[in-house]
C-alpha atoms as a PDB file:
ATOM      1  CA  GLN A   1     -60.656-161.922  85.944  1.00  0.00           C
ATOM      2  CA  LYS A   2     -61.069-158.325  84.747  1.00  0.00           C
ATOM      3  CA  LEU A   3     -62.344-157.187  88.279  1.00  0.00           C
ATOM      4  CA  ARG A   4     -59.512-158.819  89.943  1.00  0.00           C
ATOM      5  CA  ARG A   5     -57.035-157.066  87.598  1.00  0.00           C
ATOM      6  CA  GLY A   6     -58.936-153.879  88.347  1.00  0.00           C
ATOM      7  CA  SER A   7     -58.675-154.367  92.067  1.00  0.00           C
ATOM      8  CA  ASP A   8     -54.921-154.989  91.790  1.00  0.00           C
ATOM      9  CA  MET A   9     -54.583-151.711  89.850  1.00  0.00           C
ATOM     10  CA  ILE A  10     -57.076-149.329  91.535  1.00  0.00           C
ATOM     11  CA  GLY A  11     -57.448-150.885  95.090  1.00  0.00           C
ATOM     12  CA  GLU A  12     -59.396-153.404  97.033  1.00  0.00           C
ATOM     13  CA  TRP A  13     -62.197-150.906  97.513  1.00  0.00           C
ATOM     14  CA  ILE A  14     -63.424-151.600  93.933  1.00  0.00           C
ATOM     15  CA  LEU A  15     -64.109-155.256  94.795  1.00  0.00           C
ATOM     16  CA  ALA A  16     -66.049-154.311  97.970  1.00  0.00           C
ATOM     17  CA  SER A  17     -68.021-151.753  95.899  1.00  0.00           C
ATOM     18  CA  TRP A  18     -68.830-154.174  93.193  1.00  0.00           C
ATOM     19  CA  ASP A  19     -70.008-156.772  95.775  1.00  0.00           C
ATOM     20  CA  ALA A  20     -72.172-154.142  97.285  1.00  0.00           C
ATOM     21  CA  ALA A  21     -73.718-153.250  93.962  1.00  0.00           C
ATOM     22  CA  TRP A  22     -74.392-156.831  92.967  1.00  0.00           C
ATOM     23  CA  THR A  23     -75.893-157.499  96.396  1.00  0.00           C
ATOM     24  CA  LEU A  24     -78.145-154.626  96.188  1.00  0.00           C
ATOM     25  CA  HIS A  25     -79.186-155.527  92.671  1.00  0.00           C
ATOM     26  CA  VAL A  26     -79.865-159.165  93.470  1.00  0.00           C
ATOM     27  CA  TRP A  27     -81.120-159.097  97.022  1.00  0.00           C
ATOM     28  CA  GLY A  28     -82.515-155.701  97.111  1.00  0.00           C
ATOM     29  CA  PHE A  29     -84.226-155.542  93.592  1.00  0.00           C
ATOM     30  CA  HIS A  30     -84.864-159.114  92.377  1.00  0.00           C
ATOM     31  CA  GLU A  31     -85.488-160.867  95.668  1.00  0.00           C
ATOM     32  CA  ALA A  32     -86.664-157.787  97.725  1.00  0.00           C
ATOM     33  CA  LYS A  33     -84.942-159.100 100.902  1.00  0.00           C
ATOM     34  CA  LEU A  34     -82.975-155.991 101.903  1.00  0.00           C
ATOM     35  CA  ASP A  35     -84.324-153.473 104.322  1.00  0.00           C
ATOM     36  CA  SER A  36     -83.707-149.778 103.973  1.00  0.00           C
ATOM     37  CA  GLU A  37     -80.769-149.827 106.376  1.00  0.00           C
ATOM     38  CA  ALA A  38     -79.083-152.554 104.326  1.00  0.00           C
ATOM     39  CA  VAL A  39     -79.535-150.433 101.210  1.00  0.00           C
ATOM     40  CA  ARG A  40     -78.127-147.383 102.980  1.00  0.00           C
ATOM     41  CA  ARG A  41     -75.137-149.186 104.178  1.00  0.00           C
ATOM     42  CA  ARG A  42     -74.201-150.248 100.542  1.00  0.00           C
ATOM     43  CA  ALA A  43     -74.959-146.959  99.016  1.00  0.00           C
ATOM     44  CA  LYS A  44     -71.669-145.205 100.054  1.00  0.00           C
ATOM     45  CA  HIS A  45     -69.744-148.049  98.406  1.00  0.00           C
ATOM     46  CA  ILE A  46     -71.655-147.818  95.250  1.00  0.00           C
ATOM     47  CA  ARG A  47     -71.432-144.034  95.200  1.00  0.00           C
ATOM     48  CA  LYS A  48     -67.695-144.310  95.360  1.00  0.00           C
ATOM     49  CA  LEU A  49     -67.644-146.799  92.407  1.00  0.00           C
ATOM     50  CA  ILE A  50     -69.770-144.407  90.277  1.00  0.00           C
ATOM     51  CA  MET A  51     -67.767-141.307  91.132  1.00  0.00           C
ATOM     52  CA  GLU A  52     -64.382-143.047  90.393  1.00  0.00           C
ATOM     53  CA  SER A  53     -65.716-144.515  87.073  1.00  0.00           C
ATOM     54  CA  GLU A  54     -66.838-141.077  86.047  1.00  0.00           C
ATOM     55  CA  LYS A  55     -63.341-139.757  86.656  1.00  0.00           C
ATOM     56  CA  ILE A  56     -61.785-142.498  84.564  1.00  0.00           C
ATOM     57  CA  ILE A  57     -64.273-142.268  81.754  1.00  0.00           C
ATOM     58  CA  GLY A  58     -64.231-138.489  81.702  1.00  0.00           C
END
């Protein structure tokens, strides 16, 4: 619910970034199913999520 509201306010990129972060956490860390290329491809989305969050938080 909150993520949907956030994506409506901020933009659809936040949903893609959150999905990338979740996938990396679950399939990369817990399940160890992602290779280095899969991690690299998600990193830019996660980086944007962190950078934009820092701007909002201050």
